[in-house]
Amino acid sequence: MLEGGKRGQKSRSGKGLKPGFEGGQNPLIKGLPMIRGFNNKFKTHYSLVSLGNLDQLPVGDNITPEYLYILGIIRNKRNPIKIVGNGDITKPLKNISPQVH
């Protein structure tokens, strides 16, 4: 009579099982949502500023990323700034530095 557990798949010679093999049942990575794939770590994240926010600033102030950060309009002063067309502008904006994207 054979004793159990001596002649299984892991007792054979050769490479063995691949990592993540679960004995014929559906692997865990296949059951999870699509979280696999490419993630670009060099992606540029922009800070968005609307025209309505710029219209509320006093006339004549130097508009810099540090100034917008202090006012709480942007969260990160190192990100490039994009001006979005939400709202209207009624005052002249002359002192924007450095350039925005």
N, C-alpha and C. Protein backbone atom coordinates (compact mmCIF):
# COMPACT_ATOMS: atom_id res chain seq x y z
N MET A 1 0.84 -1.18 0.00
CA MET A 1 0.00 0.00 0.00
C MET A 1 0.88 1.25 0.00
N LEU A 2 0.50 2.25 -0.78
CA LEU A 2 1.28 3.49 -0.87
C LEU A 2 0.95 4.42 0.29
N GLU A 3 1.96 5.07 0.77
CA GLU A 3 1.74 6.07 1.81
C GLU A 3 1.52 7.42 1.14
N GLY A 4 0.64 8.24 1.65
CA GLY A 4 0.32 9.52 1.03
C GLY A 4 1.40 10.55 1.23
N GLY A 5 1.60 11.38 0.24
CA GLY A 5 2.49 12.52 0.36
C GLY A 5 3.91 12.29 -0.06
N LYS A 6 4.24 11.18 -0.68
CA LYS A 6 5.63 10.94 -1.06
C LYS A 6 5.89 11.16 -2.53
N ARG A 7 4.89 11.05 -3.36
CA ARG A 7 5.11 11.10 -4.80
C ARG A 7 4.25 12.17 -5.46
N GLY A 8 4.37 13.39 -5.04
CA GLY A 8 3.55 14.44 -5.63
C GLY A 8 4.31 15.23 -6.68
N GLN A 9 3.71 16.33 -7.09
CA GLN A 9 4.31 17.17 -8.13
C GLN A 9 5.61 17.79 -7.64
N LYS A 10 5.70 18.13 -6.40
CA LYS A 10 6.91 18.77 -5.87
C LYS A 10 8.04 17.78 -5.59
N SER A 11 7.75 16.48 -5.66
CA SER A 11 8.81 15.51 -5.44
C SER A 11 9.54 15.15 -6.73
N ARG A 12 9.06 15.60 -7.88
CA ARG A 12 9.67 15.26 -9.16
C ARG A 12 10.88 16.15 -9.42
N SER A 13 11.79 15.65 -10.24
CA SER A 13 12.97 16.45 -10.59
C SER A 13 12.58 17.46 -11.67
N GLY A 14 13.37 18.50 -11.79
CA GLY A 14 13.10 19.53 -12.79
C GLY A 14 12.98 20.89 -12.13
N LYS A 15 12.44 21.81 -12.89
CA LYS A 15 12.41 23.20 -12.45
C LYS A 15 11.47 23.43 -11.27
N GLY A 16 10.35 22.78 -11.24
CA GLY A 16 9.42 23.01 -10.16
C GLY A 16 8.28 23.91 -10.60
N LEU A 17 7.59 24.44 -9.63
CA LEU A 17 6.41 25.26 -9.90
C LEU A 17 6.82 26.72 -10.09
N LYS A 18 6.04 27.41 -10.92
CA LYS A 18 6.31 28.84 -11.10
C LYS A 18 5.75 29.62 -9.91
N PRO A 19 6.30 30.78 -9.64
CA PRO A 19 5.79 31.59 -8.52
C PRO A 19 4.34 32.01 -8.80
N GLY A 20 3.51 31.91 -7.81
CA GLY A 20 2.12 32.28 -7.97
C GLY A 20 1.23 31.14 -8.39
N PHE A 21 1.78 29.94 -8.63
CA PHE A 21 0.95 28.79 -9.01
C PHE A 21 0.20 28.31 -7.79
N GLU A 22 -1.10 28.10 -7.95
CA GLU A 22 -1.94 27.74 -6.81
C GLU A 22 -2.64 26.42 -7.03
N GLY A 23 -2.02 25.52 -7.76
CA GLY A 23 -2.55 24.17 -7.85
C GLY A 23 -3.79 24.03 -8.70
N GLY A 24 -3.94 24.78 -9.74
CA GLY A 24 -5.08 24.60 -10.63
C GLY A 24 -6.22 25.56 -10.37
N GLN A 25 -6.29 26.16 -9.20
CA GLN A 25 -7.35 27.15 -9.00
C GLN A 25 -6.90 28.46 -9.62
N ASN A 26 -7.85 29.36 -9.81
CA ASN A 26 -7.55 30.63 -10.46
C ASN A 26 -6.58 31.42 -9.58
N PRO A 27 -5.45 31.88 -10.13
CA PRO A 27 -4.49 32.61 -9.31
C PRO A 27 -5.08 33.91 -8.76
N LEU A 28 -4.55 34.34 -7.64
CA LEU A 28 -5.06 35.53 -6.97
C LEU A 28 -4.92 36.76 -7.84
N ILE A 29 -3.83 36.88 -8.59
CA ILE A 29 -3.61 38.08 -9.40
C ILE A 29 -4.64 38.21 -10.51
N LYS A 30 -5.20 37.08 -10.96
CA LYS A 30 -6.23 37.15 -11.99
C LYS A 30 -7.58 37.55 -11.41
N GLY A 31 -7.79 37.29 -10.14
CA GLY A 31 -9.07 37.64 -9.53
C GLY A 31 -9.16 39.08 -9.09
N LEU A 32 -8.03 39.75 -8.98
CA LEU A 32 -8.03 41.15 -8.54
C LEU A 32 -8.41 42.06 -9.69
N PRO A 33 -8.86 43.27 -9.42
CA PRO A 33 -9.15 44.21 -10.51
C PRO A 33 -7.88 44.54 -11.29
N MET A 34 -8.06 45.22 -12.39
CA MET A 34 -6.93 45.49 -13.29
C MET A 34 -6.02 46.55 -12.68
N ILE A 35 -5.19 46.14 -11.75
CA ILE A 35 -4.23 47.06 -11.16
C ILE A 35 -2.85 46.84 -11.73
N ARG A 36 -2.75 45.87 -12.64
CA ARG A 36 -1.47 45.62 -13.27
C ARG A 36 -1.31 46.60 -14.44
N GLY A 37 -0.12 46.68 -14.96
CA GLY A 37 0.08 47.47 -16.16
C GLY A 37 1.12 48.54 -15.98
N PHE A 38 1.19 49.42 -16.96
CA PHE A 38 2.24 50.42 -17.04
C PHE A 38 1.89 51.62 -16.18
N ASN A 39 2.87 52.13 -15.46
CA ASN A 39 2.71 53.34 -14.67
C ASN A 39 3.91 54.23 -14.96
N ASN A 40 3.67 55.38 -15.58
CA ASN A 40 4.74 56.26 -15.99
C ASN A 40 5.20 57.10 -14.80
N LYS A 41 6.40 56.83 -14.30
CA LYS A 41 6.88 57.59 -13.15
C LYS A 41 7.45 58.95 -13.55
N PHE A 42 7.60 59.20 -14.85
CA PHE A 42 8.10 60.49 -15.32
C PHE A 42 6.98 61.41 -15.81
N LYS A 43 5.74 61.08 -15.53
CA LYS A 43 4.60 61.88 -15.98
C LYS A 43 4.65 63.26 -15.31
N THR A 44 4.33 64.29 -16.08
CA THR A 44 4.31 65.65 -15.56
C THR A 44 2.94 65.94 -14.96
N HIS A 45 2.91 66.30 -13.69
CA HIS A 45 1.68 66.68 -13.02
C HIS A 45 1.62 68.20 -12.97
N TYR A 46 0.51 68.77 -13.43
CA TYR A 46 0.35 70.21 -13.49
C TYR A 46 -0.52 70.69 -12.34
N SER A 47 -0.26 71.91 -11.87
CA SER A 47 -1.15 72.59 -10.94
C SER A 47 -2.08 73.46 -11.77
N LEU A 48 -3.39 73.27 -11.59
CA LEU A 48 -4.37 73.99 -12.40
C LEU A 48 -4.83 75.24 -11.66
N VAL A 49 -4.87 76.36 -12.38
CA VAL A 49 -5.34 77.63 -11.83
C VAL A 49 -6.41 78.15 -12.78
N SER A 50 -7.58 78.47 -12.26
CA SER A 50 -8.66 78.96 -13.12
C SER A 50 -8.57 80.48 -13.24
N LEU A 51 -9.16 80.97 -14.32
CA LEU A 51 -9.17 82.42 -14.53
C LEU A 51 -9.95 83.14 -13.43
N GLY A 52 -10.97 82.48 -12.90
CA GLY A 52 -11.73 83.08 -11.80
C GLY A 52 -10.89 83.30 -10.57
N ASN A 53 -9.97 82.38 -10.29
CA ASN A 53 -9.07 82.56 -9.14
C ASN A 53 -8.10 83.71 -9.38
N LEU A 54 -7.60 83.83 -10.62
CA LEU A 54 -6.67 84.92 -10.92
C LEU A 54 -7.37 86.28 -10.89
N ASP A 55 -8.67 86.29 -11.20
CA ASP A 55 -9.41 87.55 -11.21
C ASP A 55 -9.62 88.09 -9.79
N GLN A 56 -9.57 87.23 -8.80
CA GLN A 56 -9.76 87.66 -7.42
C GLN A 56 -8.50 88.26 -6.80
N LEU A 57 -7.36 88.11 -7.47
CA LEU A 57 -6.11 88.66 -6.93
C LEU A 57 -6.07 90.17 -7.11
N PRO A 58 -5.40 90.89 -6.21
CA PRO A 58 -5.28 92.35 -6.36
C PRO A 58 -4.45 92.72 -7.58
N VAL A 59 -4.80 93.85 -8.19
CA VAL A 59 -4.07 94.32 -9.37
C VAL A 59 -2.69 94.80 -8.93
N GLY A 60 -1.66 94.45 -9.70
CA GLY A 60 -0.31 94.91 -9.42
C GLY A 60 0.54 93.93 -8.64
N ASP A 61 -0.05 92.86 -8.11
CA ASP A 61 0.76 91.88 -7.38
C ASP A 61 1.56 91.02 -8.35
N ASN A 62 2.77 90.65 -7.93
CA ASN A 62 3.56 89.70 -8.72
C ASN A 62 2.98 88.31 -8.51
N ILE A 63 2.55 87.68 -9.59
CA ILE A 63 1.94 86.35 -9.50
C ILE A 63 3.03 85.33 -9.77
N THR A 64 3.47 84.68 -8.71
CA THR A 64 4.50 83.64 -8.79
C THR A 64 3.93 82.35 -8.22
N PRO A 65 4.57 81.22 -8.48
CA PRO A 65 4.09 79.97 -7.87
C PRO A 65 4.10 80.02 -6.34
N GLU A 66 5.09 80.69 -5.75
CA GLU A 66 5.14 80.80 -4.29
C GLU A 66 3.95 81.61 -3.76
N TYR A 67 3.60 82.68 -4.48
CA TYR A 67 2.47 83.53 -4.08
C TYR A 67 1.16 82.75 -4.16
N LEU A 68 0.98 81.99 -5.24
CA LEU A 68 -0.24 81.19 -5.38
C LEU A 68 -0.30 80.09 -4.33
N TYR A 69 0.87 79.57 -3.94
CA TYR A 69 0.92 78.53 -2.91
C TYR A 69 0.55 79.10 -1.54
N ILE A 70 1.04 80.30 -1.24
CA ILE A 70 0.73 80.93 0.05
C ILE A 70 -0.76 81.23 0.15
N LEU A 71 -1.37 81.64 -0.96
CA LEU A 71 -2.81 81.93 -0.96
C LEU A 71 -3.66 80.67 -0.94
N GLY A 72 -3.07 79.51 -1.19
CA GLY A 72 -3.83 78.26 -1.19
C GLY A 72 -4.49 77.94 -2.50
N ILE A 73 -4.11 78.62 -3.58
CA ILE A 73 -4.70 78.35 -4.89
C ILE A 73 -4.12 77.07 -5.48
N ILE A 74 -2.82 76.84 -5.28
CA ILE A 74 -2.19 75.59 -5.74
C ILE A 74 -1.64 74.85 -4.52
N ARG A 75 -1.47 73.54 -4.66
CA ARG A 75 -1.00 72.72 -3.54
C ARG A 75 0.49 72.45 -3.59
N ASN A 76 1.07 72.49 -4.79
CA ASN A 76 2.49 72.18 -4.92
C ASN A 76 3.13 73.26 -5.79
N LYS A 77 4.06 74.01 -5.24
CA LYS A 77 4.65 75.12 -5.99
C LYS A 77 5.72 74.67 -6.97
N ARG A 78 6.13 73.38 -6.91
CA ARG A 78 7.15 72.88 -7.83
C ARG A 78 6.56 72.40 -9.15
N ASN A 79 5.27 72.06 -9.17
CA ASN A 79 4.64 71.60 -10.41
C ASN A 79 4.48 72.75 -11.39
N PRO A 80 4.56 72.47 -12.70
CA PRO A 80 4.25 73.52 -13.68
C PRO A 80 2.78 73.93 -13.55
N ILE A 81 2.50 75.17 -13.90
CA ILE A 81 1.16 75.72 -13.72
C ILE A 81 0.46 75.82 -15.07
N LYS A 82 -0.81 75.39 -15.10
CA LYS A 82 -1.66 75.56 -16.28
C LYS A 82 -2.82 76.45 -15.88
N ILE A 83 -3.12 77.43 -16.73
CA ILE A 83 -4.27 78.30 -16.49
C ILE A 83 -5.44 77.74 -17.28
N VAL A 84 -6.53 77.47 -16.56
CA VAL A 84 -7.71 76.87 -17.16
C VAL A 84 -8.75 77.97 -17.33
N GLY A 85 -9.57 77.87 -18.36
CA GLY A 85 -10.51 78.93 -18.70
C GLY A 85 -11.81 78.90 -17.95
N ASN A 86 -11.82 78.53 -16.67
CA ASN A 86 -13.05 78.58 -15.88
C ASN A 86 -13.18 79.96 -15.26
N GLY A 87 -14.21 80.68 -15.61
CA GLY A 87 -14.41 82.02 -15.09
C GLY A 87 -14.01 83.08 -16.10
N ASP A 88 -14.21 84.33 -15.72
CA ASP A 88 -13.88 85.46 -16.59
C ASP A 88 -12.84 86.33 -15.91
N ILE A 89 -12.10 87.06 -16.76
CA ILE A 89 -11.09 87.98 -16.24
C ILE A 89 -11.56 89.40 -16.55
N THR A 90 -11.56 90.25 -15.55
CA THR A 90 -12.02 91.62 -15.74
C THR A 90 -10.91 92.64 -15.51
N LYS A 91 -9.77 92.20 -14.95
CA LYS A 91 -8.66 93.11 -14.66
C LYS A 91 -7.45 92.71 -15.49
N PRO A 92 -6.56 93.64 -15.76
CA PRO A 92 -5.33 93.27 -16.48
C PRO A 92 -4.36 92.53 -15.55
N LEU A 93 -3.79 91.45 -16.06
CA LEU A 93 -2.77 90.71 -15.31
C LEU A 93 -1.45 90.90 -16.03
N LYS A 94 -0.55 91.67 -15.42
CA LYS A 94 0.71 92.01 -16.09
C LYS A 94 1.91 91.33 -15.47
N ASN A 95 1.86 91.01 -14.21
CA ASN A 95 3.05 90.56 -13.50
C ASN A 95 3.01 89.06 -13.23
N ILE A 96 2.84 88.26 -14.28
CA ILE A 96 2.87 86.81 -14.12
C ILE A 96 4.28 86.33 -14.39
N SER A 97 4.89 85.68 -13.41
CA SER A 97 6.23 85.14 -13.61
C SER A 97 6.37 83.88 -12.77
N PRO A 98 7.11 82.90 -13.15
CA PRO A 98 7.64 82.69 -14.49
C PRO A 98 6.53 82.25 -15.43
N GLN A 99 6.89 81.86 -16.63
CA GLN A 99 5.85 81.54 -17.61
C GLN A 99 5.05 80.32 -17.18
N VAL A 100 3.79 80.31 -17.57
CA VAL A 100 2.91 79.19 -17.27
C VAL A 100 2.73 78.36 -18.53
N HIS A 101 2.28 77.13 -18.38
CA HIS A 101 2.15 76.22 -19.50
C HIS A 101 0.71 76.18 -19.99
